[in-house]
Amino acid sequence: MSKFTELTPSEEKLAAIIWRKAPLTSPELAAFALYELNWKKSTTYTILKKLCEKGIFRNEYTNLSVILTRDEIISRQSRSFIENTFGGSLPRFIASFFDGKKLSSSQADELISLIREHKGGDDNG
């Protein structure tokens, strides 16, 4: 299993089918991909192999299993984006996101609650 990298648009399409239909077999996946995406079996298996190499799914004896959920992928992509774009600074990301926009009272309360839930003891590590 290699280090996770961003998903290509094709990988995202196939992953969406797997997450929606799991558990399933690779022949069943090929049938869904033919029906939903008009993909040949060879295309489906090539992209499935890449998803398995990225550690998102496992294909054992044609049985597919989910290793990383959609939410886990989104979380990893979000952290990677903040790290690469804002030097890992969540405050810089949030400031950029707001850029003059106002929060509703309920949005502000939700953010305050999230901050309290995840706040550490100190800033030293």
N, C-alpha and C. Protein backbone atom coordinates (compact mmCIF):
# COMPACT_ATOMS: atom_id res chain seq x y z
N MET A 1 0.85 -1.18 0.00
CA MET A 1 0.00 0.00 0.00
C MET A 1 0.89 1.23 0.00
N SER A 2 0.67 2.13 -0.94
CA SER A 2 1.48 3.34 -1.02
C SER A 2 0.84 4.47 -0.23
N LYS A 3 1.59 5.54 -0.09
CA LYS A 3 1.09 6.72 0.61
C LYS A 3 -0.10 7.30 -0.13
N PHE A 4 -1.11 7.73 0.61
CA PHE A 4 -2.31 8.31 0.00
C PHE A 4 -1.96 9.55 -0.81
N THR A 5 -2.55 9.65 -1.97
CA THR A 5 -2.45 10.85 -2.78
C THR A 5 -3.86 11.23 -3.20
N GLU A 6 -4.00 12.40 -3.75
CA GLU A 6 -5.31 12.87 -4.20
C GLU A 6 -5.90 11.89 -5.20
N LEU A 7 -7.22 11.85 -5.25
CA LEU A 7 -7.92 10.99 -6.21
C LEU A 7 -8.12 11.75 -7.52
N THR A 8 -7.94 11.04 -8.60
CA THR A 8 -8.26 11.60 -9.91
C THR A 8 -9.77 11.60 -10.07
N PRO A 9 -10.31 12.36 -11.02
CA PRO A 9 -11.76 12.33 -11.25
C PRO A 9 -12.28 10.92 -11.54
N SER A 10 -11.55 10.14 -12.30
CA SER A 10 -11.98 8.76 -12.59
C SER A 10 -11.98 7.91 -11.33
N GLU A 11 -10.95 8.06 -10.51
CA GLU A 11 -10.89 7.31 -9.26
C GLU A 11 -12.04 7.70 -8.34
N GLU A 12 -12.37 8.98 -8.30
CA GLU A 12 -13.49 9.43 -7.47
C GLU A 12 -14.81 8.81 -7.93
N LYS A 13 -15.02 8.72 -9.24
CA LYS A 13 -16.25 8.13 -9.77
C LYS A 13 -16.37 6.66 -9.36
N LEU A 14 -15.29 5.92 -9.52
CA LEU A 14 -15.34 4.50 -9.18
C LEU A 14 -15.46 4.31 -7.66
N ALA A 15 -14.73 5.11 -6.90
CA ALA A 15 -14.80 5.02 -5.44
C ALA A 15 -16.21 5.29 -4.96
N ALA A 16 -16.90 6.24 -5.57
CA ALA A 16 -18.27 6.56 -5.17
C ALA A 16 -19.17 5.34 -5.33
N ILE A 17 -18.99 4.60 -6.41
CA ILE A 17 -19.79 3.39 -6.61
C ILE A 17 -19.47 2.36 -5.52
N ILE A 18 -18.20 2.16 -5.23
CA ILE A 18 -17.81 1.17 -4.22
C ILE A 18 -18.38 1.55 -2.86
N TRP A 19 -18.21 2.80 -2.46
CA TRP A 19 -18.74 3.23 -1.16
C TRP A 19 -20.25 3.04 -1.08
N ARG A 20 -20.93 3.31 -2.17
CA ARG A 20 -22.39 3.21 -2.20
C ARG A 20 -22.87 1.76 -2.20
N LYS A 21 -22.12 0.85 -2.85
CA LYS A 21 -22.59 -0.51 -3.06
C LYS A 21 -21.94 -1.56 -2.15
N ALA A 22 -20.85 -1.22 -1.48
CA ALA A 22 -20.12 -2.21 -0.68
C ALA A 22 -21.03 -2.83 0.38
N PRO A 23 -20.82 -4.11 0.67
CA PRO A 23 -19.80 -5.01 0.12
C PRO A 23 -20.22 -5.53 -1.26
N LEU A 24 -19.24 -5.75 -2.11
CA LEU A 24 -19.48 -6.29 -3.45
C LEU A 24 -18.22 -6.94 -3.98
N THR A 25 -18.37 -7.63 -5.09
CA THR A 25 -17.23 -8.28 -5.72
C THR A 25 -16.74 -7.42 -6.88
N SER A 26 -15.52 -7.67 -7.32
CA SER A 26 -15.00 -6.89 -8.45
C SER A 26 -15.81 -7.14 -9.74
N PRO A 27 -16.31 -8.36 -10.03
CA PRO A 27 -17.19 -8.50 -11.20
C PRO A 27 -18.49 -7.68 -11.07
N GLU A 28 -19.03 -7.62 -9.86
CA GLU A 28 -20.22 -6.79 -9.65
C GLU A 28 -19.89 -5.32 -9.89
N LEU A 29 -18.72 -4.89 -9.40
CA LEU A 29 -18.28 -3.51 -9.62
C LEU A 29 -18.15 -3.22 -11.11
N ALA A 30 -17.57 -4.16 -11.86
CA ALA A 30 -17.42 -3.97 -13.30
C ALA A 30 -18.78 -3.80 -13.97
N ALA A 31 -19.77 -4.55 -13.51
CA ALA A 31 -21.13 -4.43 -14.07
C ALA A 31 -21.74 -3.07 -13.74
N PHE A 32 -21.56 -2.61 -12.50
CA PHE A 32 -22.07 -1.28 -12.12
C PHE A 32 -21.38 -0.19 -12.91
N ALA A 33 -20.06 -0.31 -13.08
CA ALA A 33 -19.30 0.71 -13.82
C ALA A 33 -19.71 0.73 -15.29
N LEU A 34 -20.00 -0.43 -15.86
CA LEU A 34 -20.49 -0.48 -17.24
C LEU A 34 -21.83 0.24 -17.34
N TYR A 35 -22.71 -0.04 -16.41
CA TYR A 35 -24.06 0.55 -16.43
C TYR A 35 -24.04 2.05 -16.13
N GLU A 36 -23.31 2.44 -15.08
CA GLU A 36 -23.34 3.83 -14.61
C GLU A 36 -22.37 4.74 -15.35
N LEU A 37 -21.21 4.21 -15.75
CA LEU A 37 -20.16 5.05 -16.33
C LEU A 37 -19.83 4.69 -17.77
N ASN A 38 -20.41 3.59 -18.25
CA ASN A 38 -20.14 3.08 -19.60
C ASN A 38 -18.66 2.71 -19.77
N TRP A 39 -18.07 2.14 -18.70
CA TRP A 39 -16.67 1.75 -18.71
C TRP A 39 -16.54 0.28 -19.07
N LYS A 40 -15.47 -0.03 -19.79
CA LYS A 40 -15.11 -1.42 -20.06
C LYS A 40 -14.57 -2.04 -18.76
N LYS A 41 -14.62 -3.36 -18.70
CA LYS A 41 -14.13 -4.07 -17.53
C LYS A 41 -12.65 -3.75 -17.28
N SER A 42 -11.87 -3.66 -18.35
CA SER A 42 -10.44 -3.39 -18.20
C SER A 42 -10.19 -2.01 -17.57
N THR A 43 -10.98 -1.03 -17.95
CA THR A 43 -10.86 0.31 -17.36
C THR A 43 -11.18 0.26 -15.87
N THR A 44 -12.27 -0.41 -15.54
CA THR A 44 -12.67 -0.53 -14.14
C THR A 44 -11.58 -1.20 -13.31
N TYR A 45 -11.04 -2.30 -13.80
CA TYR A 45 -10.02 -3.02 -13.04
C TYR A 45 -8.72 -2.23 -12.92
N THR A 46 -8.37 -1.47 -13.95
CA THR A 46 -7.16 -0.64 -13.88
C THR A 46 -7.30 0.42 -12.80
N ILE A 47 -8.45 1.08 -12.77
CA ILE A 47 -8.67 2.15 -11.77
C ILE A 47 -8.84 1.55 -10.38
N LEU A 48 -9.51 0.40 -10.29
CA LEU A 48 -9.64 -0.28 -9.00
C LEU A 48 -8.26 -0.62 -8.44
N LYS A 49 -7.36 -1.09 -9.28
CA LYS A 49 -6.01 -1.43 -8.83
C LYS A 49 -5.32 -0.19 -8.24
N LYS A 50 -5.49 0.96 -8.90
CA LYS A 50 -4.89 2.20 -8.38
C LYS A 50 -5.47 2.58 -7.03
N LEU A 51 -6.79 2.42 -6.88
CA LEU A 51 -7.43 2.74 -5.60
C LEU A 51 -6.94 1.81 -4.50
N CYS A 52 -6.73 0.55 -4.84
CA CYS A 52 -6.20 -0.41 -3.86
C CYS A 52 -4.75 -0.07 -3.50
N GLU A 53 -3.96 0.33 -4.48
CA GLU A 53 -2.57 0.72 -4.22
C GLU A 53 -2.49 1.96 -3.33
N LYS A 54 -3.49 2.81 -3.40
CA LYS A 54 -3.54 4.00 -2.55
C LYS A 54 -4.05 3.67 -1.15
N GLY A 55 -4.45 2.42 -0.93
CA GLY A 55 -4.89 2.00 0.39
C GLY A 55 -6.31 2.39 0.73
N ILE A 56 -7.13 2.64 -0.27
CA ILE A 56 -8.51 3.05 -0.02
C ILE A 56 -9.44 1.84 0.04
N PHE A 57 -9.17 0.85 -0.81
CA PHE A 57 -9.95 -0.38 -0.85
C PHE A 57 -9.02 -1.57 -0.86
N ARG A 58 -9.57 -2.74 -0.55
CA ARG A 58 -8.84 -3.99 -0.63
C ARG A 58 -9.63 -4.92 -1.53
N ASN A 59 -8.92 -5.62 -2.43
CA ASN A 59 -9.54 -6.57 -3.34
C ASN A 59 -8.90 -7.93 -3.10
N GLU A 60 -9.57 -8.77 -2.31
CA GLU A 60 -9.05 -10.10 -2.00
C GLU A 60 -9.98 -11.15 -2.56
N TYR A 61 -9.43 -11.96 -3.47
CA TYR A 61 -10.21 -13.03 -4.10
C TYR A 61 -11.51 -12.49 -4.69
N THR A 62 -11.42 -11.35 -5.34
CA THR A 62 -12.51 -10.60 -6.01
C THR A 62 -13.50 -9.97 -5.04
N ASN A 63 -13.28 -10.08 -3.74
CA ASN A 63 -14.16 -9.43 -2.76
C ASN A 63 -13.58 -8.08 -2.37
N LEU A 64 -14.36 -7.03 -2.58
CA LEU A 64 -13.90 -5.67 -2.27
C LEU A 64 -14.29 -5.29 -0.85
N SER A 65 -13.39 -4.67 -0.15
CA SER A 65 -13.69 -4.13 1.16
C SER A 65 -13.15 -2.70 1.25
N VAL A 66 -13.83 -1.92 2.06
CA VAL A 66 -13.48 -0.51 2.24
C VAL A 66 -12.46 -0.40 3.36
N ILE A 67 -11.35 0.28 3.07
CA ILE A 67 -10.34 0.56 4.09
C ILE A 67 -10.52 1.98 4.62
N LEU A 68 -10.71 2.93 3.69
CA LEU A 68 -10.93 4.34 4.06
C LEU A 68 -12.31 4.76 3.57
N THR A 69 -13.09 5.33 4.45
CA THR A 69 -14.42 5.81 4.08
C THR A 69 -14.32 7.13 3.31
N ARG A 70 -15.42 7.53 2.72
CA ARG A 70 -15.47 8.83 2.02
C ARG A 70 -15.09 9.95 2.98
N ASP A 71 -15.63 9.92 4.20
CA ASP A 71 -15.32 10.97 5.18
C ASP A 71 -13.84 11.01 5.53
N GLU A 72 -13.20 9.84 5.63
CA GLU A 72 -11.77 9.80 5.92
C GLU A 72 -10.96 10.39 4.76
N ILE A 73 -11.38 10.13 3.54
CA ILE A 73 -10.70 10.70 2.37
C ILE A 73 -10.85 12.22 2.37
N ILE A 74 -12.07 12.70 2.62
CA ILE A 74 -12.30 14.15 2.65
C ILE A 74 -11.45 14.81 3.73
N SER A 75 -11.36 14.17 4.87
CA SER A 75 -10.54 14.71 5.96
C SER A 75 -9.07 14.80 5.56
N ARG A 76 -8.55 13.74 4.93
CA ARG A 76 -7.15 13.75 4.48
C ARG A 76 -6.92 14.81 3.41
N GLN A 77 -7.86 14.94 2.48
CA GLN A 77 -7.71 15.94 1.43
C GLN A 77 -7.75 17.35 2.01
N SER A 78 -8.62 17.56 2.99
CA SER A 78 -8.72 18.88 3.62
C SER A 78 -7.44 19.25 4.35
N ARG A 79 -6.91 18.30 5.13
CA ARG A 79 -5.66 18.55 5.85
C ARG A 79 -4.52 18.83 4.87
N SER A 80 -4.49 18.08 3.79
CA SER A 80 -3.44 18.26 2.78
C SER A 80 -3.55 19.64 2.14
N PHE A 81 -4.77 20.06 1.83
CA PHE A 81 -4.99 21.38 1.23
C PHE A 81 -4.52 22.49 2.18
N ILE A 82 -4.89 22.40 3.44
CA ILE A 82 -4.49 23.43 4.41
C ILE A 82 -2.98 23.43 4.60
N GLU A 83 -2.40 22.24 4.64
CA GLU A 83 -0.94 22.15 4.79
C GLU A 83 -0.23 22.77 3.60
N ASN A 84 -0.66 22.41 2.39
CA ASN A 84 0.02 22.86 1.18
C ASN A 84 -0.27 24.32 0.83
N THR A 85 -1.45 24.79 1.14
CA THR A 85 -1.85 26.15 0.74
C THR A 85 -1.61 27.19 1.81
N PHE A 86 -1.77 26.81 3.07
CA PHE A 86 -1.68 27.77 4.17
C PHE A 86 -0.60 27.41 5.18
N GLY A 87 0.36 26.59 4.76
CA GLY A 87 1.45 26.21 5.65
C GLY A 87 0.98 25.51 6.91
N GLY A 88 -0.18 24.85 6.82
CA GLY A 88 -0.72 24.13 7.97
C GLY A 88 -1.45 25.01 8.97
N SER A 89 -1.61 26.29 8.66
CA SER A 89 -2.23 27.23 9.60
C SER A 89 -3.75 27.25 9.42
N LEU A 90 -4.45 26.65 10.37
CA LEU A 90 -5.91 26.67 10.33
C LEU A 90 -6.46 28.10 10.47
N PRO A 91 -5.90 28.93 11.34
CA PRO A 91 -6.39 30.32 11.41
C PRO A 91 -6.24 31.07 10.08
N ARG A 92 -5.11 30.88 9.37
CA ARG A 92 -4.95 31.53 8.06
C ARG A 92 -5.99 31.03 7.06
N PHE A 93 -6.28 29.72 7.09
CA PHE A 93 -7.30 29.16 6.22
C PHE A 93 -8.67 29.77 6.52
N ILE A 94 -9.03 29.83 7.79
CA ILE A 94 -10.33 30.36 8.18
C ILE A 94 -10.45 31.84 7.80
N ALA A 95 -9.39 32.61 8.04
CA ALA A 95 -9.41 34.02 7.67
C ALA A 95 -9.61 34.17 6.17
N SER A 96 -8.93 33.36 5.38
CA SER A 96 -9.08 33.40 3.93
C SER A 96 -10.49 32.99 3.51
N PHE A 97 -11.04 32.00 4.18
CA PHE A 97 -12.38 31.50 3.85
C PHE A 97 -13.43 32.58 4.09
N PHE A 98 -13.31 33.29 5.20
CA PHE A 98 -14.31 34.32 5.51
C PHE A 98 -14.17 35.52 4.59
N ASP A 99 -12.97 36.04 4.44
CA ASP A 99 -12.70 37.16 3.55
C ASP A 99 -13.86 38.15 3.45
N GLY A 100 -14.25 38.71 4.58
CA GLY A 100 -15.30 39.73 4.61
C GLY A 100 -16.70 39.18 4.79
N LYS A 101 -16.89 37.88 4.74
CA LYS A 101 -18.21 37.28 4.94
C LYS A 101 -18.54 37.25 6.42
N LYS A 102 -19.82 37.34 6.72
CA LYS A 102 -20.29 37.28 8.10
C LYS A 102 -20.87 35.90 8.39
N LEU A 103 -20.67 35.43 9.62
CA LEU A 103 -21.25 34.18 10.07
C LEU A 103 -22.62 34.41 10.67
N SER A 104 -23.50 33.44 10.49
CA SER A 104 -24.76 33.49 11.22
C SER A 104 -24.46 33.14 12.68
N SER A 105 -25.37 33.43 13.55
CA SER A 105 -25.20 33.14 14.97
C SER A 105 -25.01 31.64 15.18
N SER A 106 -25.79 30.82 14.47
CA SER A 106 -25.68 29.37 14.66
C SER A 106 -24.35 28.85 14.12
N GLN A 107 -23.84 29.41 13.01
CA GLN A 107 -22.54 29.01 12.49
C GLN A 107 -21.44 29.35 13.48
N ALA A 108 -21.50 30.54 14.06
CA ALA A 108 -20.49 30.96 15.04
C ALA A 108 -20.54 30.04 16.27
N ASP A 109 -21.74 29.73 16.74
CA ASP A 109 -21.87 28.83 17.89
C ASP A 109 -21.30 27.45 17.59
N GLU A 110 -21.54 26.95 16.38
CA GLU A 110 -21.04 25.63 15.99
C GLU A 110 -19.51 25.63 15.94
N LEU A 111 -18.91 26.69 15.38
CA LEU A 111 -17.45 26.79 15.34
C LEU A 111 -16.85 26.87 16.74
N ILE A 112 -17.46 27.66 17.60
CA ILE A 112 -16.98 27.78 18.98
C ILE A 112 -17.05 26.43 19.68
N SER A 113 -18.11 25.69 19.45
CA SER A 113 -18.26 24.37 20.05
C SER A 113 -17.18 23.41 19.53
N LEU A 114 -16.89 23.45 18.23
CA LEU A 114 -15.85 22.60 17.65
C LEU A 114 -14.47 22.95 18.22
N ILE A 115 -14.21 24.24 18.36
CA ILE A 115 -12.92 24.68 18.91
C ILE A 115 -12.76 24.19 20.34
N ARG A 116 -13.80 24.33 21.14
CA ARG A 116 -13.74 23.87 22.53
C ARG A 116 -13.52 22.36 22.60
N GLU A 117 -14.20 21.63 21.71
CA GLU A 117 -14.10 20.17 21.68
C GLU A 117 -12.69 19.69 21.34
N HIS A 118 -12.00 20.43 20.47
CA HIS A 118 -10.70 20.00 19.98
C HIS A 118 -9.52 20.76 20.58
N LYS A 119 -9.78 21.68 21.49
CA LYS A 119 -8.72 22.49 22.07
C LYS A 119 -7.82 21.62 22.96
N GLY A 120 -6.50 21.79 22.73
CA GLY A 120 -5.52 21.07 23.56
C GLY A 120 -5.21 21.85 24.82
N GLY A 121 -4.33 21.28 25.64
CA GLY A 121 -3.98 21.89 26.91
C GLY A 121 -3.06 23.07 26.80
N ASP A 122 -2.12 23.05 25.80
CA ASP A 122 -1.19 24.15 25.64
C ASP A 122 -0.75 24.23 24.20
N ASP A 123 0.05 25.22 23.88
CA ASP A 123 0.52 25.43 22.50
C ASP A 123 1.92 24.90 22.27
N ASN A 124 2.46 24.14 23.20
CA ASN A 124 3.84 23.67 23.07
C ASN A 124 3.97 22.33 22.35
N GLY A 125 2.90 21.80 21.79
CA GLY A 125 3.04 20.56 21.08
C GLY A 125 2.08 19.59 21.52
